[in-house]
Amino acid sequence: MMTLELVCARFQGLAPEELRGWVAAGLVRADPEGEALVFQEIDVARIALILELRETLALEEDALALVLSLLDQIYALRRRLGGRLGEG
């Protein structure tokens, strides 16, 4: 697990206030640990995805939330269908 400070240090240009905003908006999940926020590796990977989408597609915050929601739905559908793809 990584603290908010370590995550921000890992990604150049990511400010702690911005990351807290993403957590508050539900774009990224974090676990409270006392007064601090900690992130699991899957959450750090999602942060990397957000930064990549924002950089490569120049997505604004509203569009970013929509794209992430759609990606979450696609991954959930793939998991549900995963066992069925070999059938038939």
PDB file of N, CA and C in Angstrom:
ATOM      1  N   MET A   1       0.845  -1.178   0.000  1.00  0.00           N
ATOM      2  CA  MET A   1       0.000   0.000   0.000  1.00  0.00           C
ATOM      3  C   MET A   1       0.893   1.246   0.000  1.00  0.00           C
ATOM      4  N   MET A   2       0.370   2.287  -0.622  1.00  0.00           N
ATOM      5  CA  MET A   2       1.132   3.526  -0.740  1.00  0.00           C
ATOM      6  C   MET A   2       0.330   4.683  -0.155  1.00  0.00           C
ATOM      7  N   THR A   3       1.040   5.580   0.500  1.00  0.00           N
ATOM      8  CA  THR A   3       0.390   6.777   1.024  1.00  0.00           C
ATOM      9  C   THR A   3       0.145   7.768  -0.109  1.00  0.00           C
ATOM     10  N   LEU A   4      -0.709   8.727   0.155  1.00  0.00           N
ATOM     11  CA  LEU A   4      -1.007   9.769  -0.820  1.00  0.00           C
ATOM     12  C   LEU A   4       0.271  10.485  -1.253  1.00  0.00           C
ATOM     13  N   GLU A   5       1.142  10.757  -0.318  1.00  0.00           N
ATOM     14  CA  GLU A   5       2.386  11.455  -0.625  1.00  0.00           C
ATOM     15  C   GLU A   5       3.271  10.634  -1.556  1.00  0.00           C
ATOM     16  N   LEU A   6       3.371   9.324  -1.311  1.00  0.00           N
ATOM     17  CA  LEU A   6       4.184   8.461  -2.166  1.00  0.00           C
ATOM     18  C   LEU A   6       3.592   8.356  -3.569  1.00  0.00           C
ATOM     19  N   VAL A   7       2.272   8.285  -3.657  1.00  0.00           N
ATOM     20  CA  VAL A   7       1.627   8.222  -4.972  1.00  0.00           C
ATOM     21  C   VAL A   7       1.915   9.497  -5.759  1.00  0.00           C
ATOM     22  N   CYS A   8       1.777  10.637  -5.113  1.00  0.00           N
ATOM     23  CA  CYS A   8       2.023  11.912  -5.790  1.00  0.00           C
ATOM     24  C   CYS A   8       3.485  12.038  -6.205  1.00  0.00           C
ATOM     25  N   ALA A   9       4.399  11.504  -5.400  1.00  0.00           N
ATOM     26  CA  ALA A   9       5.813  11.528  -5.759  1.00  0.00           C
ATOM     27  C   ALA A   9       6.101  10.619  -6.952  1.00  0.00           C
ATOM     28  N   ARG A  10       5.329   9.561  -7.076  1.00  0.00           N
ATOM     29  CA  ARG A  10       5.520   8.604  -8.181  1.00  0.00           C
ATOM     30  C   ARG A  10       5.104   9.189  -9.522  1.00  0.00           C
ATOM     31  N   PHE A  11       4.080  10.039  -9.512  1.00  0.00           N
ATOM     32  CA  PHE A  11       3.558  10.602 -10.758  1.00  0.00           C
ATOM     33  C   PHE A  11       3.856  12.096 -10.803  1.00  0.00           C
ATOM     34  N   GLN A  12       4.768  12.461 -11.652  1.00  0.00           N
ATOM     35  CA  GLN A  12       5.171  13.865 -11.780  1.00  0.00           C
ATOM     36  C   GLN A  12       3.972  14.722 -12.166  1.00  0.00           C
ATOM     37  N   GLY A  13       3.794  15.813 -11.454  1.00  0.00           N
ATOM     38  CA  GLY A  13       2.718  16.753 -11.770  1.00  0.00           C
ATOM     39  C   GLY A  13       1.394  16.458 -11.088  1.00  0.00           C
ATOM     40  N   LEU A  14       1.301  15.367 -10.335  1.00  0.00           N
ATOM     41  CA  LEU A  14       0.066  15.042  -9.626  1.00  0.00           C
ATOM     42  C   LEU A  14       0.118  15.677  -8.235  1.00  0.00           C
ATOM     43  N   ALA A  15      -0.742  16.643  -8.013  1.00  0.00           N
ATOM     44  CA  ALA A  15      -0.782  17.348  -6.732  1.00  0.00           C
ATOM     45  C   ALA A  15      -1.667  16.583  -5.743  1.00  0.00           C
ATOM     46  N   PRO A  16      -1.312  16.598  -4.459  1.00  0.00           N
ATOM     47  CA  PRO A  16      -2.127  15.930  -3.447  1.00  0.00           C
ATOM     48  C   PRO A  16      -3.582  16.394  -3.447  1.00  0.00           C
ATOM     49  N   GLU A  17      -3.813  17.691  -3.665  1.00  0.00           N
ATOM     50  CA  GLU A  17      -5.185  18.210  -3.686  1.00  0.00           C
ATOM     51  C   GLU A  17      -5.983  17.608  -4.841  1.00  0.00           C
ATOM     52  N   GLU A  18      -5.317  17.429  -5.974  1.00  0.00           N
ATOM     53  CA  GLU A  18      -5.990  16.841  -7.134  1.00  0.00           C
ATOM     54  C   GLU A  18      -6.372  15.387  -6.856  1.00  0.00           C
ATOM     55  N   LEU A  19      -5.445  14.635  -6.271  1.00  0.00           N
ATOM     56  CA  LEU A  19      -5.713  13.235  -5.951  1.00  0.00           C
ATOM     57  C   LEU A  19      -6.825  13.119  -4.910  1.00  0.00           C
ATOM     58  N   ARG A  20      -6.809  13.989  -3.904  1.00  0.00           N
ATOM     59  CA  ARG A  20      -7.904  13.990  -2.919  1.00  0.00           C
ATOM     60  C   ARG A  20      -9.240  14.280  -3.604  1.00  0.00           C
ATOM     61  N   GLY A  21      -9.227  15.162  -4.582  1.00  0.00           N
ATOM     62  CA  GLY A  21     -10.438  15.475  -5.340  1.00  0.00           C
ATOM     63  C   GLY A  21     -10.953  14.272  -6.105  1.00  0.00           C
ATOM     64  N   TRP A  22     -10.042  13.505  -6.694  1.00  0.00           N
ATOM     65  CA  TRP A  22     -10.446  12.290  -7.414  1.00  0.00           C
ATOM     66  C   TRP A  22     -11.069  11.277  -6.465  1.00  0.00           C
ATOM     67  N   VAL A  23     -10.495  11.173  -5.270  1.00  0.00           N
ATOM     68  CA  VAL A  23     -11.053  10.257  -4.265  1.00  0.00           C
ATOM     69  C   VAL A  23     -12.443  10.738  -3.861  1.00  0.00           C
ATOM     70  N   ALA A  24     -12.578  12.027  -3.597  1.00  0.00           N
ATOM     71  CA  ALA A  24     -13.877  12.594  -3.195  1.00  0.00           C
ATOM     72  C   ALA A  24     -14.922  12.425  -4.286  1.00  0.00           C
ATOM     73  N   ALA A  25     -14.497  12.514  -5.549  1.00  0.00           N
ATOM     74  CA  ALA A  25     -15.426  12.378  -6.679  1.00  0.00           C
ATOM     75  C   ALA A  25     -15.731  10.914  -7.001  1.00  0.00           C
ATOM     76  N   GLY A  26     -15.029   9.982  -6.346  1.00  0.00           N
ATOM     77  CA  GLY A  26     -15.268   8.563  -6.597  1.00  0.00           C
ATOM     78  C   GLY A  26     -14.535   8.009  -7.806  1.00  0.00           C
ATOM     79  N   LEU A  27     -13.590   8.771  -8.355  1.00  0.00           N
ATOM     80  CA  LEU A  27     -12.830   8.281  -9.506  1.00  0.00           C
ATOM     81  C   LEU A  27     -11.767   7.275  -9.088  1.00  0.00           C
ATOM     82  N   VAL A  28     -11.283   7.425  -7.863  1.00  0.00           N
ATOM     83  CA  VAL A  28     -10.229   6.562  -7.326  1.00  0.00           C
ATOM     84  C   VAL A  28     -10.641   6.142  -5.924  1.00  0.00           C
ATOM     85  N   ARG A  29     -10.322   4.900  -5.585  1.00  0.00           N
ATOM     86  CA  ARG A  29     -10.623   4.390  -4.251  1.00  0.00           C
ATOM     87  C   ARG A  29      -9.387   4.500  -3.374  1.00  0.00           C
ATOM     88  N   ALA A  30      -9.590   4.873  -2.137  1.00  0.00           N
ATOM     89  CA  ALA A  30      -8.503   4.933  -1.159  1.00  0.00           C
ATOM     90  C   ALA A  30      -9.025   4.421   0.173  1.00  0.00           C
ATOM     91  N   ASP A  31      -8.128   3.848   0.934  1.00  0.00           N
ATOM     92  CA  ASP A  31      -8.485   3.352   2.261  1.00  0.00           C
ATOM     93  C   ASP A  31      -8.013   4.363   3.301  1.00  0.00           C
ATOM     94  N   PRO A  32      -8.915   4.775   4.199  1.00  0.00           N
ATOM     95  CA  PRO A  32      -8.460   5.670   5.268  1.00  0.00           C
ATOM     96  C   PRO A  32      -7.621   4.887   6.269  1.00  0.00           C
ATOM     97  N   GLU A  33      -6.536   5.487   6.676  1.00  0.00           N
ATOM     98  CA  GLU A  33      -5.678   4.882   7.701  1.00  0.00           C
ATOM     99  C   GLU A  33      -5.348   5.987   8.687  1.00  0.00           C
ATOM    100  N   GLY A  34      -6.186   6.101   9.696  1.00  0.00           N
ATOM    101  CA  GLY A  34      -6.071   7.232  10.612  1.00  0.00           C
ATOM    102  C   GLY A  34      -6.469   8.500   9.877  1.00  0.00           C
ATOM    103  N   GLU A  35      -5.603   9.479   9.873  1.00  0.00           N
ATOM    104  CA  GLU A  35      -5.835  10.742   9.167  1.00  0.00           C
ATOM    105  C   GLU A  35      -5.407  10.662   7.704  1.00  0.00           C
ATOM    106  N   ALA A  36      -4.672   9.615   7.344  1.00  0.00           N
ATOM    107  CA  ALA A  36      -4.074   9.510   6.010  1.00  0.00           C
ATOM    108  C   ALA A  36      -4.939   8.670   5.073  1.00  0.00           C
ATOM    109  N   LEU A  37      -4.663   8.821   3.785  1.00  0.00           N
ATOM    110  CA  LEU A  37      -5.259   7.960   2.763  1.00  0.00           C
ATOM    111  C   LEU A  37      -4.166   7.052   2.232  1.00  0.00           C
ATOM    112  N   VAL A  38      -4.501   5.779   2.057  1.00  0.00           N
ATOM    113  CA  VAL A  38      -3.548   4.833   1.468  1.00  0.00           C
ATOM    114  C   VAL A  38      -4.198   4.176   0.267  1.00  0.00           C
ATOM    115  N   PHE A  39      -3.362   3.818  -0.687  1.00  0.00           N
ATOM    116  CA  PHE A  39      -3.823   3.277  -1.958  1.00  0.00           C
ATOM    117  C   PHE A  39      -3.199   1.912  -2.194  1.00  0.00           C
ATOM    118  N   GLN A  40      -4.009   0.977  -2.660  1.00  0.00           N
ATOM    119  CA  GLN A  40      -3.506  -0.331  -3.033  1.00  0.00           C
ATOM    120  C   GLN A  40      -2.976  -0.243  -4.463  1.00  0.00           C
ATOM    121  N   GLU A  41      -2.243  -1.259  -4.887  1.00  0.00           N
ATOM    122  CA  GLU A  41      -1.629  -1.236  -6.221  1.00  0.00           C
ATOM    123  C   GLU A  41      -2.671  -1.071  -7.330  1.00  0.00           C
ATOM    124  N   ILE A  42      -3.846  -1.679  -7.182  1.00  0.00           N
ATOM    125  CA  ILE A  42      -4.882  -1.539  -8.207  1.00  0.00           C
ATOM    126  C   ILE A  42      -5.358  -0.091  -8.305  1.00  0.00           C
ATOM    127  N   ASP A  43      -5.390   0.592  -7.172  1.00  0.00           N
ATOM    128  CA  ASP A  43      -5.789   2.000  -7.156  1.00  0.00           C
ATOM    129  C   ASP A  43      -4.710   2.866  -7.812  1.00  0.00           C
ATOM    130  N   VAL A  44      -3.450   2.520  -7.572  1.00  0.00           N
ATOM    131  CA  VAL A  44      -2.342   3.242  -8.197  1.00  0.00           C
ATOM    132  C   VAL A  44      -2.377   3.033  -9.709  1.00  0.00           C
ATOM    133  N   ALA A  45      -2.719   1.817 -10.142  1.00  0.00           N
ATOM    134  CA  ALA A  45      -2.846   1.557 -11.580  1.00  0.00           C
ATOM    135  C   ALA A  45      -3.977   2.400 -12.183  1.00  0.00           C
ATOM    136  N   ARG A  46      -5.055   2.569 -11.446  1.00  0.00           N
ATOM    137  CA  ARG A  46      -6.167   3.405 -11.937  1.00  0.00           C
ATOM    138  C   ARG A  46      -5.729   4.871 -12.032  1.00  0.00           C
ATOM    139  N   ILE A  47      -4.932   5.319 -11.089  1.00  0.00           N
ATOM    140  CA  ILE A  47      -4.406   6.682 -11.143  1.00  0.00           C
ATOM    141  C   ILE A  47      -3.553   6.852 -12.396  1.00  0.00           C
ATOM    142  N   ALA A  48      -2.724   5.852 -12.688  1.00  0.00           N
ATOM    143  CA  ALA A  48      -1.906   5.900 -13.906  1.00  0.00           C
ATOM    144  C   ALA A  48      -2.793   5.959 -15.144  1.00  0.00           C
ATOM    145  N   LEU A  49      -3.881   5.196 -15.153  1.00  0.00           N
ATOM    146  CA  LEU A  49      -4.821   5.221 -16.269  1.00  0.00           C
ATOM    147  C   LEU A  49      -5.452   6.598 -16.430  1.00  0.00           C
ATOM    148  N   ILE A  50      -5.864   7.189 -15.330  1.00  0.00           N
ATOM    149  CA  ILE A  50      -6.466   8.526 -15.369  1.00  0.00           C
ATOM    150  C   ILE A  50      -5.482   9.532 -15.958  1.00  0.00           C
ATOM    151  N   LEU A  51      -4.255   9.482 -15.499  1.00  0.00           N
ATOM    152  CA  LEU A  51      -3.251  10.413 -15.995  1.00  0.00           C
ATOM    153  C   LEU A  51      -2.985  10.188 -17.485  1.00  0.00           C
ATOM    154  N   GLU A  52      -2.954   8.934 -17.906  1.00  0.00           N
ATOM    155  CA  GLU A  52      -2.734   8.628 -19.320  1.00  0.00           C
ATOM    156  C   GLU A  52      -3.906   9.104 -20.182  1.00  0.00           C
ATOM    157  N   LEU A  53      -5.126   8.849 -19.722  1.00  0.00           N
ATOM    158  CA  LEU A  53      -6.303   9.315 -20.467  1.00  0.00           C
ATOM    159  C   LEU A  53      -6.320  10.831 -20.566  1.00  0.00           C
ATOM    160  N   ARG A  54      -5.989  11.475 -19.484  1.00  0.00           N
ATOM    161  CA  ARG A  54      -5.991  12.934 -19.470  1.00  0.00           C
ATOM    162  C   ARG A  54      -4.914  13.490 -20.402  1.00  0.00           C
ATOM    163  N   GLU A  55      -3.761  12.839 -20.415  1.00  0.00           N
ATOM    164  CA  GLU A  55      -2.660  13.328 -21.245  1.00  0.00           C
ATOM    165  C   GLU A  55      -2.872  13.008 -22.724  1.00  0.00           C
ATOM    166  N   THR A  56      -3.220  11.765 -23.038  1.00  0.00           N
ATOM    167  CA  THR A  56      -3.307  11.361 -24.443  1.00  0.00           C
ATOM    168  C   THR A  56      -4.583  11.834 -25.116  1.00  0.00           C
ATOM    169  N   LEU A  57      -5.677  11.884 -24.370  1.00  0.00           N
ATOM    170  CA  LEU A  57      -6.957  12.283 -24.959  1.00  0.00           C
ATOM    171  C   LEU A  57      -7.385  13.689 -24.559  1.00  0.00           C
ATOM    172  N   ALA A  58      -6.621  14.328 -23.703  1.00  0.00           N
ATOM    173  CA  ALA A  58      -6.928  15.680 -23.223  1.00  0.00           C
ATOM    174  C   ALA A  58      -8.352  15.763 -22.672  1.00  0.00           C
ATOM    175  N   LEU A  59      -8.721  14.750 -21.872  1.00  0.00           N
ATOM    176  CA  LEU A  59     -10.064  14.709 -21.305  1.00  0.00           C
ATOM    177  C   LEU A  59     -10.187  15.650 -20.124  1.00  0.00           C
ATOM    178  N   GLU A  60     -11.309  16.339 -20.058  1.00  0.00           N
ATOM    179  CA  GLU A  60     -11.609  17.155 -18.891  1.00  0.00           C
ATOM    180  C   GLU A  60     -12.257  16.271 -17.838  1.00  0.00           C
ATOM    181  N   GLU A  61     -12.429  16.817 -16.636  1.00  0.00           N
ATOM    182  CA  GLU A  61     -12.897  16.030 -15.486  1.00  0.00           C
ATOM    183  C   GLU A  61     -14.239  15.328 -15.736  1.00  0.00           C
ATOM    184  N   ASP A  62     -15.209  16.025 -16.328  1.00  0.00           N
ATOM    185  CA  ASP A  62     -16.520  15.417 -16.577  1.00  0.00           C
ATOM    186  C   ASP A  62     -16.418  14.267 -17.566  1.00  0.00           C
ATOM    187  N   ALA A  63     -15.678  14.481 -18.643  1.00  0.00           N
ATOM    188  CA  ALA A  63     -15.516  13.427 -19.648  1.00  0.00           C
ATOM    189  C   ALA A  63     -14.716  12.269 -19.074  1.00  0.00           C
ATOM    190  N   LEU A  64     -13.751  12.572 -18.243  1.00  0.00           N
ATOM    191  CA  LEU A  64     -12.944  11.541 -17.613  1.00  0.00           C
ATOM    192  C   LEU A  64     -13.798  10.625 -16.749  1.00  0.00           C
ATOM    193  N   ALA A  65     -14.707  11.197 -15.989  1.00  0.00           N
ATOM    194  CA  ALA A  65     -15.603  10.390 -15.152  1.00  0.00           C
ATOM    195  C   ALA A  65     -16.465   9.468 -16.013  1.00  0.00           C
ATOM    196  N   LEU A  66     -16.942   9.965 -17.134  1.00  0.00           N
ATOM    197  CA  LEU A  66     -17.765   9.146 -18.031  1.00  0.00           C
ATOM    198  C   LEU A  66     -16.951   8.010 -18.638  1.00  0.00           C
ATOM    199  N   VAL A  67     -15.751   8.301 -19.108  1.00  0.00           N
ATOM    200  CA  VAL A  67     -14.894   7.275 -19.704  1.00  0.00           C
ATOM    201  C   VAL A  67     -14.551   6.204 -18.676  1.00  0.00           C
ATOM    202  N   LEU A  68     -14.218   6.597 -17.463  1.00  0.00           N
ATOM    203  CA  LEU A  68     -13.907   5.621 -16.415  1.00  0.00           C
ATOM    204  C   LEU A  68     -15.111   4.752 -16.083  1.00  0.00           C
ATOM    205  N   SER A  69     -16.290   5.349 -16.050  1.00  0.00           N
ATOM    206  CA  SER A  69     -17.506   4.590 -15.791  1.00  0.00           C
ATOM    207  C   SER A  69     -17.739   3.551 -16.883  1.00  0.00           C
ATOM    208  N   LEU A  70     -17.547   3.950 -18.122  1.00  0.00           N
ATOM    209  CA  LEU A  70     -17.717   3.017 -19.245  1.00  0.00           C
ATOM    210  C   LEU A  70     -16.674   1.897 -19.197  1.00  0.00           C
ATOM    211  N   LEU A  71     -15.436   2.237 -18.890  1.00  0.00           N
ATOM    212  CA  LEU A  71     -14.405   1.207 -18.764  1.00  0.00           C
ATOM    213  C   LEU A  71     -14.718   0.234 -17.634  1.00  0.00           C
ATOM    214  N   ASP A  72     -15.212   0.748 -16.513  1.00  0.00           N
ATOM    215  CA  ASP A  72     -15.606  -0.124 -15.403  1.00  0.00           C
ATOM    216  C   ASP A  72     -16.704  -1.092 -15.836  1.00  0.00           C
ATOM    217  N   GLN A  73     -17.662  -0.609 -16.603  1.00  0.00           N
ATOM    218  CA  GLN A  73     -18.744  -1.460 -17.088  1.00  0.00           C
ATOM    219  C   GLN A  73     -18.214  -2.530 -18.044  1.00  0.00           C
ATOM    220  N   ILE A  74     -17.281  -2.158 -18.908  1.00  0.00           N
ATOM    221  CA  ILE A  74     -16.697  -3.117 -19.848  1.00  0.00           C
ATOM    222  C   ILE A  74     -15.949  -4.205 -19.095  1.00  0.00           C
ATOM    223  N   TYR A  75     -15.125  -3.809 -18.114  1.00  0.00           N
ATOM    224  CA  TYR A  75     -14.370  -4.806 -17.351  1.00  0.00           C
ATOM    225  C   TYR A  75     -15.299  -5.716 -16.553  1.00  0.00           C
ATOM    226  N   ALA A  76     -16.373  -5.174 -15.995  1.00  0.00           N
ATOM    227  CA  ALA A  76     -17.339  -5.991 -15.256  1.00  0.00           C
ATOM    228  C   ALA A  76     -18.016  -6.991 -16.190  1.00  0.00           C
ATOM    229  N   LEU A  77     -18.363  -6.557 -17.375  1.00  0.00           N
ATOM    230  CA  LEU A  77     -18.990  -7.451 -18.353  1.00  0.00           C
ATOM    231  C   LEU A  77     -18.017  -8.545 -18.791  1.00  0.00           C
ATOM    232  N   ARG A  78     -16.772  -8.181 -18.998  1.00  0.00           N
ATOM    233  CA  ARG A  78     -15.764  -9.180 -19.381  1.00  0.00           C
ATOM    234  C   ARG A  78     -15.604 -10.229 -18.291  1.00  0.00           C
ATOM    235  N   ARG A  79     -15.615  -9.794 -17.022  1.00  0.00           N
ATOM    236  CA  ARG A  79     -15.503 -10.757 -15.911  1.00  0.00           C
ATOM    237  C   ARG A  79     -16.705 -11.697 -15.896  1.00  0.00           C
ATOM    238  N   ARG A  80     -17.907 -11.117 -16.094  1.00  0.00           N
ATOM    239  CA  ARG A  80     -19.122 -11.948 -16.076  1.00  0.00           C
ATOM    240  C   ARG A  80     -19.132 -12.929 -17.232  1.00  0.00           C
ATOM    241  N   LEU A  81     -18.691 -12.507 -18.393  1.00  0.00           N
ATOM    242  CA  LEU A  81     -18.712 -13.365 -19.560  1.00  0.00           C
ATOM    243  C   LEU A  81     -17.483 -14.265 -19.662  1.00  0.00           C
ATOM    244  N   GLY A  82     -16.476 -13.986 -18.882  1.00  0.00           N
ATOM    245  CA  GLY A  82     -15.230 -14.740 -18.953  1.00  0.00           C
ATOM    246  C   GLY A  82     -15.404 -16.230 -18.882  1.00  0.00           C
ATOM    247  N   GLY A  83     -16.242 -16.700 -17.993  1.00  0.00           N
ATOM    248  CA  GLY A  83     -16.467 -18.130 -17.859  1.00  0.00           C
ATOM    249  C   GLY A  83     -17.298 -18.712 -18.986  1.00  0.00           C
ATOM    250  N   ARG A  84     -18.041 -17.872 -19.659  1.00  0.00           N
ATOM    251  CA  ARG A  84     -18.914 -18.347 -20.728  1.00  0.00           C
ATOM    252  C   ARG A  84     -18.236 -18.363 -22.092  1.00  0.00           C
ATOM    253  N   LEU A  85     -17.136 -17.660 -22.244  1.00  0.00           N
ATOM    254  CA  LEU A  85     -16.509 -17.552 -23.550  1.00  0.00           C
ATOM    255  C   LEU A  85     -15.991 -18.900 -24.056  1.00  0.00           C
ATOM    256  N   GLY A  86     -15.605 -19.778 -23.138  1.00  0.00           N
ATOM    257  CA  GLY A  86     -15.128 -21.099 -23.552  1.00  0.00           C
ATOM    258  C   GLY A  86     -16.241 -22.104 -23.820  1.00  0.00           C
ATOM    259  N   GLU A  87     -17.476 -21.741 -23.467  1.00  0.00           N
ATOM    260  CA  GLU A  87     -18.611 -22.652 -23.668  1.00  0.00           C
ATOM    261  C   GLU A  87     -19.106 -22.589 -25.098  1.00  0.00           C
ATOM    262  N   GLY A  88     -19.789 -23.611 -25.491  1.00  0.00           N
ATOM    263  CA  GLY A  88     -20.494 -23.541 -26.770  1.00  0.00           C
ATOM    264  C   GLY A  88     -19.892 -24.339 -27.785  1.00  0.00           C
TER     265      GLY A  88
END
